[in-house]
C-alpha atoms as a PDB file:
ATOM      1  CA  MET A   1      99.003   9.481  55.665  1.00  0.00           C
ATOM      2  CA  ASN A   2     102.659   9.398  54.651  1.00  0.00           C
ATOM      3  CA  GLN A   3     103.513  10.598  51.184  1.00  0.00           C
ATOM      4  CA  PRO A   4     106.291   8.735  49.348  1.00  0.00           C
ATOM      5  CA  ALA A   5     109.460  10.766  48.997  1.00  0.00           C
ATOM      6  CA  LEU A   6     109.634  12.298  45.536  1.00  0.00           C
ATOM      7  CA  LYS A   7     112.860  12.412  43.603  1.00  0.00           C
ATOM      8  CA  PRO A   8     114.095  15.883  42.745  1.00  0.00           C
ATOM      9  CA  TRP A   9     113.001  17.060  39.334  1.00  0.00           C
ATOM     10  CA  PRO A  10     115.625  15.963  36.815  1.00  0.00           C
ATOM     11  CA  ALA A  11     114.526  18.585  34.281  1.00  0.00           C
ATOM     12  CA  ASP A  12     113.481  21.853  35.865  1.00  0.00           C
ATOM     13  CA  LYS A  13     114.625  24.528  33.435  1.00  0.00           C
ATOM     14  CA  VAL A  14     113.465  25.258  29.895  1.00  0.00           C
ATOM     15  CA  THR A  15     115.983  26.590  27.390  1.00  0.00           C
ATOM     16  CA  ARG A  16     115.835  26.992  23.651  1.00  0.00           C
ATOM     17  CA  ARG A  17     118.059  24.753  21.527  1.00  0.00           C
ATOM     18  CA  SER A  18     118.792  24.625  17.837  1.00  0.00           C
ATOM     19  CA  VAL A  19     116.876  21.801  16.148  1.00  0.00           C
ATOM     20  CA  ALA A  20     120.029  20.988  14.172  1.00  0.00           C
ATOM     21  CA  GLU A  21     121.945  20.134  17.364  1.00  0.00           C
ATOM     22  CA  LEU A  22     119.340  17.705  18.719  1.00  0.00           C
ATOM     23  CA  ALA A  23     120.177  14.026  18.252  1.00  0.00           C
ATOM     24  CA  PRO A  24     117.270  11.565  17.844  1.00  0.00           C
ATOM     25  CA  TYR A  25     117.565   8.319  19.794  1.00  0.00           C
ATOM     26  CA  ALA A  26     118.579   5.802  17.112  1.00  0.00           C
ATOM     27  CA  ARG A  27     116.668   2.928  18.751  1.00  0.00           C
ATOM     28  CA  ASN A  28     113.434   4.812  19.352  1.00  0.00           C
ATOM     29  CA  ALA A  29     110.761   2.173  18.801  1.00  0.00           C
ATOM     30  CA  ARG A  30     107.986   4.763  18.422  1.00  0.00           C
ATOM     31  CA  LEU A  31     107.488   5.573  14.750  1.00  0.00           C
ATOM     32  CA  HIS A  32     105.944   8.782  13.410  1.00  0.00           C
ATOM     33  CA  SER A  33     104.161   8.577  10.065  1.00  0.00           C
ATOM     34  CA  ASP A  34     104.107  11.567   7.740  1.00  0.00           C
ATOM     35  CA  ALA A  35     100.414  11.972   8.536  1.00  0.00           C
ATOM     36  CA  GLN A  36     101.064  12.062  12.275  1.00  0.00           C
ATOM     37  CA  VAL A  37     103.940  14.547  11.893  1.00  0.00           C
ATOM     38  CA  ALA A  38     101.536  16.696   9.859  1.00  0.00           C
ATOM     39  CA  GLN A  39      99.041  16.485  12.751  1.00  0.00           C
ATOM     40  CA  ILE A  40     101.713  17.595  15.218  1.00  0.00           C
ATOM     41  CA  ALA A  41     102.711  20.440  12.883  1.00  0.00           C
ATOM     42  CA  ALA A  42      99.060  21.530  12.620  1.00  0.00           C
ATOM     43  CA  SER A  43      98.785  21.416  16.408  1.00  0.00           C
ATOM     44  CA  ILE A  44     101.865  23.620  16.756  1.00  0.00           C
ATOM     45  CA  GLY A  45     100.364  25.949  14.160  1.00  0.00           C
ATOM     46  CA  GLU A  46      97.129  26.249  16.173  1.00  0.00           C
ATOM     47  CA  TRP A  47      98.424  26.378  19.745  1.00  0.00           C
ATOM     48  CA  GLY A  48     102.137  27.139  19.438  1.00  0.00           C
ATOM     49  CA  TRP A  49     104.838  25.124  21.164  1.00  0.00           C
ATOM     50  CA  THR A  50     103.365  23.782  24.405  1.00  0.00           C
ATOM     51  CA  MET A  51     105.676  20.974  25.542  1.00  0.00           C
ATOM     52  CA  PRO A  52     109.470  21.111  25.745  1.00  0.00           C
ATOM     53  CA  VAL A  53     111.575  18.384  24.179  1.00  0.00           C
ATOM     54  CA  LEU A  54     113.252  16.259  26.866  1.00  0.00           C
ATOM     55  CA  LEU A  55     116.968  15.771  26.278  1.00  0.00           C
ATOM     56  CA  ASP A  56     119.791  13.915  27.953  1.00  0.00           C
ATOM     57  CA  GLU A  57     122.872  15.820  29.021  1.00  0.00           C
ATOM     58  CA  ALA A  58     124.557  15.205  25.644  1.00  0.00           C
ATOM     59  CA  GLY A  59     121.632  16.663  23.647  1.00  0.00           C
ATOM     60  CA  GLY A  60     120.068  13.319  22.738  1.00  0.00           C
ATOM     61  CA  ILE A  61     116.287  13.326  22.468  1.00  0.00           C
ATOM     62  CA  ILE A  62     114.554  11.291  25.172  1.00  0.00           C
ATOM     63  CA  ALA A  63     110.994  12.526  24.517  1.00  0.00           C
ATOM     64  CA  GLY A  64     109.707  14.737  21.731  1.00  0.00           C
ATOM     65  CA  HIS A  65     110.905  13.037  18.554  1.00  0.00           C
ATOM     66  CA  GLY A  66     107.614  13.768  16.766  1.00  0.00           C
ATOM     67  CA  ARG A  67     107.661  17.412  17.831  1.00  0.00           C
ATOM     68  CA  VAL A  68     111.203  17.802  16.501  1.00  0.00           C
ATOM     69  CA  LEU A  69     110.169  16.263  13.171  1.00  0.00           C
ATOM     70  CA  ALA A  70     107.230  18.697  13.035  1.00  0.00           C
ATOM     71  CA  ALA A  71     109.552  21.605  13.850  1.00  0.00           C
ATOM     72  CA  LYS A  72     111.758  20.637  10.911  1.00  0.00           C
ATOM     73  CA  ARG A  73     108.689  20.439   8.659  1.00  0.00           C
ATOM     74  CA  LEU A  74     107.624  23.913   9.799  1.00  0.00           C
ATOM     75  CA  GLY A  75     111.106  25.388   9.396  1.00  0.00           C
ATOM     76  CA  ILE A  76     111.451  26.146  13.109  1.00  0.00           C
ATOM     77  CA  ASP A  77     115.137  26.648  13.916  1.00  0.00           C
ATOM     78  CA  ALA A  78     115.074  26.436  17.728  1.00  0.00           C
ATOM     79  CA  VAL A  79     112.694  24.756  20.169  1.00  0.00           C
ATOM     80  CA  PRO A  80     112.108  24.739  23.942  1.00  0.00           C
ATOM     81  CA  CYS A  81     114.000  21.925  25.653  1.00  0.00           C
ATOM     82  CA  MET A  82     114.579  20.541  29.122  1.00  0.00           C
ATOM     83  CA  VAL A  83     117.588  18.436  30.116  1.00  0.00           C
ATOM     84  CA  ALA A  84     117.115  15.378  32.345  1.00  0.00           C
ATOM     85  CA  LYS A  85     120.187  15.462  34.550  1.00  0.00           C
ATOM     86  CA  GLY A  86     121.683  12.512  36.348  1.00  0.00           C
ATOM     87  CA  TRP A  87     119.793   9.733  34.606  1.00  0.00           C
ATOM     88  CA  SER A  88     121.564   6.449  33.914  1.00  0.00           C
ATOM     89  CA  ASP A  89     121.596   5.034  30.389  1.00  0.00           C
ATOM     90  CA  ALA A  90     118.989   2.482  31.490  1.00  0.00           C
ATOM     91  CA  GLN A  91     116.708   5.204  32.877  1.00  0.00           C
ATOM     92  CA  LYS A  92     116.922   7.209  29.636  1.00  0.00           C
ATOM     93  CA  ARG A  93     116.237   4.188  27.445  1.00  0.00           C
ATOM     94  CA  ALA A  94     113.316   3.056  29.579  1.00  0.00           C
ATOM     95  CA  TYR A  95     111.792   6.553  29.657  1.00  0.00           C
ATOM     96  CA  VAL A  96     111.824   6.711  25.845  1.00  0.00           C
ATOM     97  CA  ILE A  97     109.440   3.746  25.977  1.00  0.00           C
ATOM     98  CA  ALA A  98     107.472   4.740  29.098  1.00  0.00           C
ATOM     99  CA  ASP A  99     106.753   8.279  27.875  1.00  0.00           C
ATOM    100  CA  ASN A 100     104.886   6.878  24.894  1.00  0.00           C
ATOM    101  CA  LYS A 101     103.326   3.750  26.368  1.00  0.00           C
ATOM    102  CA  ILE A 102     101.947   5.207  29.596  1.00  0.00           C
ATOM    103  CA  ALA A 103      99.920   7.758  27.600  1.00  0.00           C
ATOM    104  CA  ASP A 104      98.600   4.902  25.422  1.00  0.00           C
ATOM    105  CA  ASN A 105      97.286   3.162  28.541  1.00  0.00           C
ATOM    106  CA  ALA A 106      94.661   5.851  29.190  1.00  0.00           C
ATOM    107  CA  ILE A 107      91.071   5.372  28.061  1.00  0.00           C
ATOM    108  CA  TRP A 108      88.444   7.847  26.884  1.00  0.00           C
ATOM    109  CA  ASP A 109      85.199   8.659  28.619  1.00  0.00           C
ATOM    110  CA  GLN A 110      83.117   8.357  25.448  1.00  0.00           C
ATOM    111  CA  GLU A 111      80.175  10.369  26.766  1.00  0.00           C
ATOM    112  CA  LEU A 112      82.331  13.314  27.866  1.00  0.00           C
ATOM    113  CA  LEU A 113      84.293  13.119  24.633  1.00  0.00           C
ATOM    114  CA  ARG A 114      81.038  13.263  22.658  1.00  0.00           C
ATOM    115  CA  ILE A 115      79.920  16.307  24.668  1.00  0.00           C
ATOM    116  CA  GLU A 116      83.249  18.048  24.085  1.00  0.00           C
ATOM    117  CA  PHE A 117      83.180  17.405  20.343  1.00  0.00           C
ATOM    118  CA  GLU A 118      79.589  18.591  20.090  1.00  0.00           C
ATOM    119  CA  GLY A 119      80.588  21.772  21.907  1.00  0.00           C
ATOM    120  CA  LEU A 120      83.568  22.304  19.628  1.00  0.00           C
ATOM    121  CA  GLU A 121      81.369  21.726  16.568  1.00  0.00           C
ATOM    122  CA  GLY A 122      79.024  24.410  17.897  1.00  0.00           C
ATOM    123  CA  LEU A 123      81.995  26.765  18.123  1.00  0.00           C
ATOM    124  CA  ASN A 124      82.994  25.950  14.520  1.00  0.00           C
ATOM    125  CA  PHE A 125      86.363  24.614  15.656  1.00  0.00           C
ATOM    126  CA  GLU A 126      88.326  22.452  13.196  1.00  0.00           C
ATOM    127  CA  LEU A 127      87.868  19.056  14.861  1.00  0.00           C
ATOM    128  CA  GLY A 128      90.718  17.479  12.872  1.00  0.00           C
ATOM    129  CA  LEU A 129      93.156  19.499  14.976  1.00  0.00           C
ATOM    130  CA  THR A 130      92.287  17.234  17.914  1.00  0.00           C
ATOM    131  CA  GLY A 131      94.144  14.362  16.276  1.00  0.00           C
ATOM    132  CA  PHE A 132      91.016  12.294  15.629  1.00  0.00           C
ATOM    133  CA  SER A 133      90.840  11.382  11.965  1.00  0.00           C
ATOM    134  CA  ASN A 134      87.576   9.484  12.457  1.00  0.00           C
ATOM    135  CA  LEU A 135      85.481  11.033  15.150  1.00  0.00           C
ATOM    136  CA  PRO A 136      84.512   8.538  17.852  1.00  0.00           C
ATOM    137  CA  SER A 137      81.242   6.769  17.142  1.00  0.00           C
ATOM    138  CA  ALA A 138      79.717   8.210  20.308  1.00  0.00           C
ATOM    139  CA  ILE A 139      79.834  11.666  18.732  1.00  0.00           C
ATOM    140  CA  SER A 140      77.615  10.697  15.828  1.00  0.00           C
ATOM    141  CA  ARG A 141      74.768   9.695  18.160  1.00  0.00           C
ATOM    142  CA  ALA A 142      71.756  12.000  18.063  1.00  0.00           C
END
């Protein structure tokens, strides 16, 4: 079976950049409420920084706007970043949308999610850190 040719990785190196020098994309259609930024900040507090911010070659944010807002809230001065090199303006603009929407297109396996939450409850883990404000109804089943 032939595999399709993969493009070279446009962002293959993580560096740390000052939050002050990062420029949000002015037409980012994804909005981050204060409550959601607080969730991201709590996640960073629990697990540390786990995903670099994706930038264009001029330092404009392509992906990671919410993480940068959380970093500001937490007083973090510099964050891990990757630069997508060689992308056209159209590719950058489309990825800002695709990065958010493609993740939204996934669905949950409710039974496995219930099992995971039950296990986390048994370990006395703070379930709110998962991002669920109302635990899925499947979890409340006996």
